[in-house]
């Protein structure tokens, strides 16, 4: 049986683009949570560093994550990334070690 894919996406806004990045990320929440392979999708902003966002994500398997990346709403967001992000998105995959 496949283990779920759990990750943190780290997204840092360009100066002056913090609100635009936040708004773009918030538009992903509802449709992503409705995807059949999505298990978790929650956005956080770092208190000590406004404009730095963390998306906690979990998908049932690689195919579900690939399907997410192919959705029209994710593709629309990805098309804006160069304008909004100060550095490339970092996707950190995690292995669960406790319940």
PDB file of N, CA and C in Angstrom:
ATOM      1  N   UNK A   1       0.830  -1.180   0.000  1.00  0.00           N
ATOM      2  CA  UNK A   1       0.000   0.000   0.000  1.00  0.00           C
ATOM      3  C   UNK A   1       0.882   1.254   0.000  1.00  0.00           C
ATOM      4  N   UNK A   2       0.512   2.235  -0.809  1.00  0.00           N
ATOM      5  CA  UNK A   2       1.273   3.473  -0.891  1.00  0.00           C
ATOM      6  C   UNK A   2       1.049   4.339   0.338  1.00  0.00           C
ATOM      7  N   UNK A   3       2.118   4.987   0.785  1.00  0.00           N
ATOM      8  CA  UNK A   3       2.006   5.951   1.872  1.00  0.00           C
ATOM      9  C   UNK A   3       1.559   7.277   1.290  1.00  0.00           C
ATOM     10  N   UNK A   4       0.817   8.053   2.055  1.00  0.00           N
ATOM     11  CA  UNK A   4       0.470   9.392   1.581  1.00  0.00           C
ATOM     12  C   UNK A   4       1.737  10.234   1.383  1.00  0.00           C
ATOM     13  N   UNK A   5       1.680  11.168   0.445  1.00  0.00           N
ATOM     14  CA  UNK A   5       2.758  12.128   0.249  1.00  0.00           C
ATOM     15  C   UNK A   5       2.430  13.369   1.065  1.00  0.00           C
ATOM     16  N   UNK A   6       3.282  13.672   2.026  1.00  0.00           N
ATOM     17  CA  UNK A   6       3.083  14.829   2.893  1.00  0.00           C
ATOM     18  C   UNK A   6       4.237  15.786   2.647  1.00  0.00           C
ATOM     19  N   UNK A   7       3.895  17.068   2.495  1.00  0.00           N
ATOM     20  CA  UNK A   7       4.941  18.044   2.221  1.00  0.00           C
ATOM     21  C   UNK A   7       4.592  19.410   2.791  1.00  0.00           C
ATOM     22  N   UNK A   8       5.623  20.235   2.865  1.00  0.00           N
ATOM     23  CA  UNK A   8       5.479  21.660   3.153  1.00  0.00           C
ATOM     24  C   UNK A   8       5.995  22.393   1.930  1.00  0.00           C
ATOM     25  N   UNK A   9       5.161  23.253   1.376  1.00  0.00           N
ATOM     26  CA  UNK A   9       5.606  24.137   0.314  1.00  0.00           C
ATOM     27  C   UNK A   9       5.964  25.464   0.966  1.00  0.00           C
ATOM     28  N   UNK A  10       7.152  25.965   0.673  1.00  0.00           N
ATOM     29  CA  UNK A  10       7.619  27.233   1.220  1.00  0.00           C
ATOM     30  C   UNK A  10       7.615  28.249   0.085  1.00  0.00           C
ATOM     31  N   UNK A  11       6.879  29.348   0.309  1.00  0.00           N
ATOM     32  CA  UNK A  11       6.722  30.366  -0.724  1.00  0.00           C
ATOM     33  C   UNK A  11       7.019  31.735  -0.116  1.00  0.00           C
ATOM     34  N   UNK A  12       8.017  32.418  -0.654  1.00  0.00           N
ATOM     35  CA  UNK A  12       8.434  33.719  -0.132  1.00  0.00           C
ATOM     36  C   UNK A  12       8.085  34.794  -1.156  1.00  0.00           C
ATOM     37  N   UNK A  13       7.312  35.776  -0.708  1.00  0.00           N
ATOM     38  CA  UNK A  13       6.857  36.841  -1.590  1.00  0.00           C
ATOM     39  C   UNK A  13       7.957  37.854  -1.881  1.00  0.00           C
ATOM     40  N   UNK A  14       7.922  38.395  -3.099  1.00  0.00           N
ATOM     41  CA  UNK A  14       8.753  39.549  -3.418  1.00  0.00           C
ATOM     42  C   UNK A  14       8.248  40.729  -2.585  1.00  0.00           C
ATOM     43  N   UNK A  15       9.135  41.665  -2.265  1.00  0.00           N
ATOM     44  CA  UNK A  15       8.682  42.860  -1.549  1.00  0.00           C
ATOM     45  C   UNK A  15       7.539  43.546  -2.306  1.00  0.00           C
ATOM     46  N   UNK A  16       6.487  43.875  -1.578  1.00  0.00           N
ATOM     47  CA  UNK A  16       5.326  44.511  -2.172  1.00  0.00           C
ATOM     48  C   UNK A  16       4.319  43.542  -2.773  1.00  0.00           C
ATOM     49  N   UNK A  17       4.646  42.258  -2.828  1.00  0.00           N
ATOM     50  CA  UNK A  17       3.760  41.248  -3.424  1.00  0.00           C
ATOM     51  C   UNK A  17       3.151  40.315  -2.376  1.00  0.00           C
ATOM     52  N   UNK A  18       3.328  40.643  -1.088  1.00  0.00           N
ATOM     53  CA  UNK A  18       2.874  39.766  -0.010  1.00  0.00           C
ATOM     54  C   UNK A  18       1.368  39.492  -0.085  1.00  0.00           C
ATOM     55  N   UNK A  19       0.572  40.522  -0.245  1.00  0.00           N
ATOM     56  CA  UNK A  19      -0.888  40.350  -0.274  1.00  0.00           C
ATOM     57  C   UNK A  19      -1.341  39.629  -1.540  1.00  0.00           C
ATOM     58  N   UNK A  20      -0.690  39.916  -2.650  1.00  0.00           N
ATOM     59  CA  UNK A  20      -1.044  39.237  -3.904  1.00  0.00           C
ATOM     60  C   UNK A  20      -0.732  37.745  -3.814  1.00  0.00           C
ATOM     61  N   UNK A  21       0.405  37.401  -3.215  1.00  0.00           N
ATOM     62  CA  UNK A  21       0.758  35.992  -3.044  1.00  0.00           C
ATOM     63  C   UNK A  21      -0.241  35.313  -2.122  1.00  0.00           C
ATOM     64  N   UNK A  22      -0.540  35.952  -1.006  1.00  0.00           N
ATOM     65  CA  UNK A  22      -1.500  35.391  -0.056  1.00  0.00           C
ATOM     66  C   UNK A  22      -2.849  35.153  -0.728  1.00  0.00           C
ATOM     67  N   UNK A  23      -3.328  36.132  -1.474  1.00  0.00           N
ATOM     68  CA  UNK A  23      -4.620  35.994  -2.165  1.00  0.00           C
ATOM     69  C   UNK A  23      -4.575  34.851  -3.169  1.00  0.00           C
ATOM     70  N   UNK A  24      -3.489  34.742  -3.912  1.00  0.00           N
ATOM     71  CA  UNK A  24      -3.368  33.653  -4.883  1.00  0.00           C
ATOM     72  C   UNK A  24      -3.365  32.293  -4.223  1.00  0.00           C
ATOM     73  N   UNK A  25      -2.662  32.173  -3.116  1.00  0.00           N
ATOM     74  CA  UNK A  25      -2.620  30.901  -2.395  1.00  0.00           C
ATOM     75  C   UNK A  25      -3.979  30.554  -1.803  1.00  0.00           C
ATOM     76  N   UNK A  26      -4.675  31.548  -1.287  1.00  0.00           N
ATOM     77  CA  UNK A  26      -6.001  31.284  -0.710  1.00  0.00           C
ATOM     78  C   UNK A  26      -6.993  30.782  -1.755  1.00  0.00           C
ATOM     79  N   UNK A  27      -6.839  31.188  -3.014  1.00  0.00           N
ATOM     80  CA  UNK A  27      -7.754  30.704  -4.054  1.00  0.00           C
ATOM     81  C   UNK A  27      -7.567  29.217  -4.330  1.00  0.00           C
ATOM     82  N   UNK A  28      -6.433  28.652  -3.931  1.00  0.00           N
ATOM     83  CA  UNK A  28      -6.165  27.225  -4.156  1.00  0.00           C
ATOM     84  C   UNK A  28      -6.819  26.320  -3.112  1.00  0.00           C
ATOM     85  N   UNK A  29      -7.134  26.871  -1.943  1.00  0.00           N
ATOM     86  CA  UNK A  29      -7.557  26.043  -0.813  1.00  0.00           C
ATOM     87  C   UNK A  29      -8.807  25.228  -1.111  1.00  0.00           C
ATOM     88  N   UNK A  30      -9.906  25.894  -1.381  1.00  0.00           N
ATOM     89  CA  UNK A  30     -11.188  25.191  -1.541  1.00  0.00           C
ATOM     90  C   UNK A  30     -11.177  24.161  -2.667  1.00  0.00           C
ATOM     91  N   UNK A  31     -10.737  24.526  -3.885  1.00  0.00           N
ATOM     92  CA  UNK A  31     -10.764  23.501  -4.941  1.00  0.00           C
ATOM     93  C   UNK A  31      -9.806  22.347  -4.679  1.00  0.00           C
ATOM     94  N   UNK A  32      -8.669  22.632  -4.054  1.00  0.00           N
ATOM     95  CA  UNK A  32      -7.712  21.553  -3.772  1.00  0.00           C
ATOM     96  C   UNK A  32      -8.288  20.584  -2.744  1.00  0.00           C
ATOM     97  N   UNK A  33      -8.923  21.114  -1.713  1.00  0.00           N
ATOM     98  CA  UNK A  33      -9.520  20.240  -0.698  1.00  0.00           C
ATOM     99  C   UNK A  33     -10.621  19.355  -1.278  1.00  0.00           C
ATOM    100  N   UNK A  34     -11.216  19.785  -2.394  1.00  0.00           N
ATOM    101  CA  UNK A  34     -12.270  18.999  -3.036  1.00  0.00           C
ATOM    102  C   UNK A  34     -11.713  17.919  -3.970  1.00  0.00           C
ATOM    103  N   UNK A  35     -10.423  17.943  -4.232  1.00  0.00           N
ATOM    104  CA  UNK A  35      -9.824  16.923  -5.098  1.00  0.00           C
ATOM    105  C   UNK A  35      -9.927  15.556  -4.424  1.00  0.00           C
ATOM    106  N   UNK A  36     -10.246  14.510  -5.187  1.00  0.00           N
ATOM    107  CA  UNK A  36     -10.420  13.188  -4.571  1.00  0.00           C
ATOM    108  C   UNK A  36      -9.170  12.648  -3.881  1.00  0.00           C
ATOM    109  N   UNK A  37      -7.984  13.035  -4.319  1.00  0.00           N
ATOM    110  CA  UNK A  37      -6.764  12.514  -3.716  1.00  0.00           C
ATOM    111  C   UNK A  37      -6.163  13.400  -2.645  1.00  0.00           C
ATOM    112  N   UNK A  38      -6.816  14.515  -2.307  1.00  0.00           N
ATOM    113  CA  UNK A  38      -6.274  15.418  -1.296  1.00  0.00           C
ATOM    114  C   UNK A  38      -6.662  14.965   0.097  1.00  0.00           C
ATOM    115  N   UNK A  39      -5.683  14.970   1.006  1.00  0.00           N
ATOM    116  CA  UNK A  39      -5.910  14.608   2.407  1.00  0.00           C
ATOM    117  C   UNK A  39      -5.773  15.799   3.343  1.00  0.00           C
ATOM    118  N   UNK A  40      -4.995  16.812   2.939  1.00  0.00           N
ATOM    119  CA  UNK A  40      -4.746  17.967   3.799  1.00  0.00           C
ATOM    120  C   UNK A  40      -4.200  19.094   2.930  1.00  0.00           C
ATOM    121  N   UNK A  41      -4.649  20.330   3.205  1.00  0.00           N
ATOM    122  CA  UNK A  41      -4.161  21.486   2.450  1.00  0.00           C
ATOM    123  C   UNK A  41      -4.453  22.721   3.283  1.00  0.00           C
ATOM    124  N   UNK A  42      -3.436  23.202   4.020  1.00  0.00           N
ATOM    125  CA  UNK A  42      -3.624  24.300   4.972  1.00  0.00           C
ATOM    126  C   UNK A  42      -2.506  25.320   4.776  1.00  0.00           C
ATOM    127  N   UNK A  43      -2.890  26.595   4.708  1.00  0.00           N
ATOM    128  CA  UNK A  43      -1.930  27.676   4.502  1.00  0.00           C
ATOM    129  C   UNK A  43      -1.571  28.343   5.827  1.00  0.00           C
ATOM    130  N   UNK A  44      -0.271  28.605   6.006  1.00  0.00           N
ATOM    131  CA  UNK A  44       0.250  29.315   7.171  1.00  0.00           C
ATOM    132  C   UNK A  44       1.129  30.458   6.694  1.00  0.00           C
ATOM    133  N   UNK A  45       1.216  31.518   7.514  1.00  0.00           N
ATOM    134  CA  UNK A  45       2.163  32.597   7.265  1.00  0.00           C
ATOM    135  C   UNK A  45       3.083  32.686   8.478  1.00  0.00           C
ATOM    136  N   UNK A  46       4.347  32.839   8.225  1.00  0.00           N
ATOM    137  CA  UNK A  46       5.326  32.903   9.311  1.00  0.00           C
ATOM    138  C   UNK A  46       5.175  34.216  10.067  1.00  0.00           C
ATOM    139  N   UNK A  47       4.934  34.126  11.372  1.00  0.00           N
ATOM    140  CA  UNK A  47       4.741  35.321  12.202  1.00  0.00           C
ATOM    141  C   UNK A  47       5.936  36.263  12.148  1.00  0.00           C
ATOM    142  N   UNK A  48       7.126  35.705  12.280  1.00  0.00           N
ATOM    143  CA  UNK A  48       8.332  36.514  12.336  1.00  0.00           C
ATOM    144  C   UNK A  48       8.786  37.013  10.968  1.00  0.00           C
ATOM    145  N   UNK A  49       8.133  36.545   9.915  1.00  0.00           N
ATOM    146  CA  UNK A  49       8.542  36.911   8.555  1.00  0.00           C
ATOM    147  C   UNK A  49       7.306  37.014   7.659  1.00  0.00           C
ATOM    148  N   UNK A  50       6.511  38.067   7.842  1.00  0.00           N
ATOM    149  CA  UNK A  50       5.327  38.218   6.996  1.00  0.00           C
ATOM    150  C   UNK A  50       5.702  38.165   5.513  1.00  0.00           C
ATOM    151  N   UNK A  51       4.844  37.511   4.745  1.00  0.00           N
ATOM    152  CA  UNK A  51       5.140  37.326   3.328  1.00  0.00           C
ATOM    153  C   UNK A  51       5.811  36.004   3.026  1.00  0.00           C
ATOM    154  N   UNK A  52       6.142  35.240   4.073  1.00  0.00           N
ATOM    155  CA  UNK A  52       6.653  33.881   3.897  1.00  0.00           C
ATOM    156  C   UNK A  52       5.540  32.934   4.288  1.00  0.00           C
ATOM    157  N   UNK A  53       5.129  32.105   3.332  1.00  0.00           N
ATOM    158  CA  UNK A  53       3.982  31.221   3.510  1.00  0.00           C
ATOM    159  C   UNK A  53       4.428  29.766   3.454  1.00  0.00           C
ATOM    160  N   UNK A  54       3.702  28.949   4.213  1.00  0.00           N
ATOM    161  CA  UNK A  54       3.913  27.506   4.239  1.00  0.00           C
ATOM    162  C   UNK A  54       2.577  26.843   3.944  1.00  0.00           C
ATOM    163  N   UNK A  55       2.554  25.988   2.946  1.00  0.00           N
ATOM    164  CA  UNK A  55       1.343  25.229   2.641  1.00  0.00           C
ATOM    165  C   UNK A  55       1.608  23.793   3.085  1.00  0.00           C
ATOM    166  N   UNK A  56       0.865  23.344   4.091  1.00  0.00           N
ATOM    167  CA  UNK A  56       0.968  21.953   4.534  1.00  0.00           C
ATOM    168  C   UNK A  56       0.045  21.153   3.635  1.00  0.00           C
ATOM    169  N   UNK A  57       0.620  20.162   2.961  1.00  0.00           N
ATOM    170  CA  UNK A  57      -0.114  19.413   1.943  1.00  0.00           C
ATOM    171  C   UNK A  57       0.014  17.915   2.188  1.00  0.00           C
ATOM    172  N   UNK A  58      -1.044  17.198   1.902  1.00  0.00           N
ATOM    173  CA  UNK A  58      -0.965  15.739   1.893  1.00  0.00           C
ATOM    174  C   UNK A  58      -1.879  15.226   0.784  1.00  0.00           C
ATOM    175  N   UNK A  59      -1.340  14.307   0.012  1.00  0.00           N
ATOM    176  CA  UNK A  59      -2.083  13.664  -1.067  1.00  0.00           C
ATOM    177  C   UNK A  59      -1.943  12.163  -0.913  1.00  0.00           C
ATOM    178  N   UNK A  60      -2.941  11.434  -1.366  1.00  0.00           N
ATOM    179  CA  UNK A  60      -2.947   9.987  -1.116  1.00  0.00           C
ATOM    180  C   UNK A  60      -1.802   9.261  -1.812  1.00  0.00           C
ATOM    181  N   UNK A  61      -1.297   9.806  -2.921  1.00  0.00           N
ATOM    182  CA  UNK A  61      -0.183   9.186  -3.625  1.00  0.00           C
ATOM    183  C   UNK A  61       0.374  10.153  -4.659  1.00  0.00           C
ATOM    184  N   UNK A  62       1.411   9.726  -5.359  1.00  0.00           N
ATOM    185  CA  UNK A  62       2.051  10.586  -6.362  1.00  0.00           C
ATOM    186  C   UNK A  62       1.081  10.956  -7.475  1.00  0.00           C
ATOM    187  N   UNK A  63       0.238  10.036  -7.878  1.00  0.00           N
ATOM    188  CA  UNK A  63      -0.727  10.328  -8.944  1.00  0.00           C
ATOM    189  C   UNK A  63      -1.673  11.453  -8.534  1.00  0.00           C
ATOM    190  N   UNK A  64      -2.080  11.467  -7.270  1.00  0.00           N
ATOM    191  CA  UNK A  64      -2.966  12.529  -6.791  1.00  0.00           C
ATOM    192  C   UNK A  64      -2.246  13.873  -6.786  1.00  0.00           C
ATOM    193  N   UNK A  65      -0.975  13.878  -6.396  1.00  0.00           N
ATOM    194  CA  UNK A  65      -0.200  15.117  -6.425  1.00  0.00           C
ATOM    195  C   UNK A  65      -0.010  15.593  -7.860  1.00  0.00           C
ATOM    196  N   UNK A  66       0.302  14.677  -8.759  1.00  0.00           N
ATOM    197  CA  UNK A  66       0.458  15.037 -10.173  1.00  0.00           C
ATOM    198  C   UNK A  66      -0.842  15.604 -10.733  1.00  0.00           C
ATOM    199  N   UNK A  67      -1.975  15.014 -10.351  1.00  0.00           N
ATOM    200  CA  UNK A  67      -3.277  15.514 -10.807  1.00  0.00           C
ATOM    201  C   UNK A  67      -3.514  16.925 -10.277  1.00  0.00           C
ATOM    202  N   UNK A  68      -3.108  17.182  -9.040  1.00  0.00           N
ATOM    203  CA  UNK A  68      -3.242  18.523  -8.462  1.00  0.00           C
ATOM    204  C   UNK A  68      -2.444  19.538  -9.274  1.00  0.00           C
ATOM    205  N   UNK A  69      -1.197  19.203  -9.581  1.00  0.00           N
ATOM    206  CA  UNK A  69      -0.353  20.120 -10.347  1.00  0.00           C
ATOM    207  C   UNK A  69      -0.929  20.409 -11.732  1.00  0.00           C
ATOM    208  N   UNK A  70      -1.719  19.490 -12.271  1.00  0.00           N
ATOM    209  CA  UNK A  70      -2.283  19.654 -13.615  1.00  0.00           C
ATOM    210  C   UNK A  70      -3.611  20.409 -13.644  1.00  0.00           C
ATOM    211  N   UNK A  71      -4.194  20.706 -12.479  1.00  0.00           N
ATOM    212  CA  UNK A  71      -5.495  21.378 -12.469  1.00  0.00           C
ATOM    213  C   UNK A  71      -5.384  22.781 -13.040  1.00  0.00           C
ATOM    214  N   UNK A  72      -6.450  23.266 -13.662  1.00  0.00           N
ATOM    215  CA  UNK A  72      -6.411  24.624 -14.225  1.00  0.00           C
ATOM    216  C   UNK A  72      -6.128  25.694 -13.180  1.00  0.00           C
ATOM    217  N   UNK A  73      -6.678  25.569 -11.979  1.00  0.00           N
ATOM    218  CA  UNK A  73      -6.455  26.590 -10.961  1.00  0.00           C
ATOM    219  C   UNK A  73      -5.018  26.589 -10.460  1.00  0.00           C
ATOM    220  N   UNK A  74      -4.394  25.425 -10.345  1.00  0.00           N
ATOM    221  CA  UNK A  74      -2.991  25.404  -9.952  1.00  0.00           C
ATOM    222  C   UNK A  74      -2.127  25.961 -11.082  1.00  0.00           C
ATOM    223  N   UNK A  75      -2.442  25.623 -12.318  1.00  0.00           N
ATOM    224  CA  UNK A  75      -1.679  26.140 -13.452  1.00  0.00           C
ATOM    225  C   UNK A  75      -1.783  27.664 -13.548  1.00  0.00           C
ATOM    226  N   UNK A  76      -2.968  28.215 -13.254  1.00  0.00           N
ATOM    227  CA  UNK A  76      -3.128  29.679 -13.245  1.00  0.00           C
ATOM    228  C   UNK A  76      -2.231  30.299 -12.178  1.00  0.00           C
ATOM    229  N   UNK A  77      -2.216  29.684 -10.987  1.00  0.00           N
ATOM    230  CA  UNK A  77      -1.347  30.195  -9.931  1.00  0.00           C
ATOM    231  C   UNK A  77       0.120  30.079 -10.348  1.00  0.00           C
ATOM    232  N   UNK A  78       0.520  28.945 -10.870  1.00  0.00           N
ATOM    233  CA  UNK A  78       1.911  28.719 -11.268  1.00  0.00           C
ATOM    234  C   UNK A  78       2.365  29.751 -12.303  1.00  0.00           C
ATOM    235  N   UNK A  79       1.456  30.179 -13.166  1.00  0.00           N
ATOM    236  CA  UNK A  79       1.796  31.174 -14.188  1.00  0.00           C
ATOM    237  C   UNK A  79       2.134  32.530 -13.580  1.00  0.00           C
ATOM    238  N   UNK A  80       1.695  32.790 -12.356  1.00  0.00           N
ATOM    239  CA  UNK A  80       1.978  34.066 -11.689  1.00  0.00           C
ATOM    240  C   UNK A  80       3.197  33.987 -10.777  1.00  0.00           C
ATOM    241  N   UNK A  81       3.735  32.805 -10.584  1.00  0.00           N
ATOM    242  CA  UNK A  81       4.779  32.588  -9.575  1.00  0.00           C
ATOM    243  C   UNK A  81       6.000  33.477  -9.778  1.00  0.00           C
ATOM    244  N   UNK A  82       6.486  33.617 -10.994  1.00  0.00           N
ATOM    245  CA  UNK A  82       7.685  34.433 -11.225  1.00  0.00           C
ATOM    246  C   UNK A  82       7.478  35.878 -10.793  1.00  0.00           C
ATOM    247  N   UNK A  83       6.272  36.378 -10.958  1.00  0.00           N
ATOM    248  CA  UNK A  83       5.964  37.754 -10.579  1.00  0.00           C
ATOM    249  C   UNK A  83       5.827  37.916  -9.063  1.00  0.00           C
ATOM    250  N   UNK A  84       5.414  36.851  -8.374  1.00  0.00           N
ATOM    251  CA  UNK A  84       5.096  36.943  -6.947  1.00  0.00           C
ATOM    252  C   UNK A  84       6.199  36.475  -6.017  1.00  0.00           C
ATOM    253  N   UNK A  85       6.988  35.495  -6.439  1.00  0.00           N
ATOM    254  CA  UNK A  85       7.950  34.847  -5.543  1.00  0.00           C
ATOM    255  C   UNK A  85       9.340  35.446  -5.644  1.00  0.00           C
ATOM    256  N   UNK A  86       9.980  35.649  -4.493  1.00  0.00           N
ATOM    257  CA  UNK A  86      11.344  36.170  -4.469  1.00  0.00           C
ATOM    258  C   UNK A  86      12.380  35.078  -4.734  1.00  0.00           C
ATOM    259  N   UNK A  87      11.965  33.830  -4.591  1.00  0.00           N
ATOM    260  CA  UNK A  87      12.832  32.683  -4.880  1.00  0.00           C
ATOM    261  C   UNK A  87      11.935  31.522  -5.281  1.00  0.00           C
ATOM    262  N   UNK A  88      12.492  30.512  -5.948  1.00  0.00           N
ATOM    263  CA  UNK A  88      11.648  29.397  -6.377  1.00  0.00           C
ATOM    264  C   UNK A  88      10.945  28.710  -5.200  1.00  0.00           C
ATOM    265  N   UNK A  89       9.741  28.252  -5.447  1.00  0.00           N
ATOM    266  CA  UNK A  89       8.988  27.486  -4.460  1.00  0.00           C
ATOM    267  C   UNK A  89       9.848  26.314  -3.995  1.00  0.00           C
ATOM    268  N   UNK A  90       9.858  26.085  -2.704  1.00  0.00           N
ATOM    269  CA  UNK A  90      10.580  24.945  -2.144  1.00  0.00           C
ATOM    270  C   UNK A  90       9.541  23.945  -1.655  1.00  0.00           C
ATOM    271  N   UNK A  91       9.638  22.712  -2.112  1.00  0.00           N
ATOM    272  CA  UNK A  91       8.716  21.663  -1.691  1.00  0.00           C
ATOM    273  C   UNK A  91       9.511  20.656  -0.864  1.00  0.00           C
ATOM    274  N   UNK A  92       9.185  20.565   0.421  1.00  0.00           N
ATOM    275  CA  UNK A  92       9.900  19.701   1.363  1.00  0.00           C
ATOM    276  C   UNK A  92       8.999  18.503   1.671  1.00  0.00           C
ATOM    277  N   UNK A  93       9.427  17.317   1.279  1.00  0.00           N
ATOM    278  CA  UNK A  93       8.652  16.106   1.547  1.00  0.00           C
ATOM    279  C   UNK A  93       8.999  15.578   2.932  1.00  0.00           C
ATOM    280  N   UNK A  94       7.970  15.159   3.649  1.00  0.00           N
ATOM    281  CA  UNK A  94       8.113  14.732   5.032  1.00  0.00           C
ATOM    282  C   UNK A  94       7.702  13.268   5.195  1.00  0.00           C
ATOM    283  N   UNK A  95       8.306  12.622   6.162  1.00  0.00           N
ATOM    284  CA  UNK A  95       7.957  11.258   6.526  1.00  0.00           C
ATOM    285  C   UNK A  95       7.374  11.293   7.923  1.00  0.00           C
ATOM    286  N   UNK A  96       6.157  10.820   8.090  1.00  0.00           N
ATOM    287  CA  UNK A  96       5.511  10.829   9.401  1.00  0.00           C
ATOM    288  C   UNK A  96       6.159   9.774  10.293  1.00  0.00           C
ATOM    289  N   UNK A  97       6.527  10.186  11.515  1.00  0.00           N
ATOM    290  CA  UNK A  97       7.183   9.270  12.438  1.00  0.00           C
ATOM    291  C   UNK A  97       6.402   9.068  13.726  1.00  0.00           C
ATOM    292  N   UNK A  98       5.281   9.760  13.889  1.00  0.00           N
ATOM    293  CA  UNK A  98       4.423   9.529  15.054  1.00  0.00           C
ATOM    294  C   UNK A  98       2.969   9.636  14.647  1.00  0.00           C
ATOM    295  N   UNK A  99       2.080   9.209  15.522  1.00  0.00           N
ATOM    296  CA  UNK A  99       0.645   9.341  15.266  1.00  0.00           C
ATOM    297  C   UNK A  99       0.159  10.682  15.764  1.00  0.00           C
TER     298      UNK A  99
END
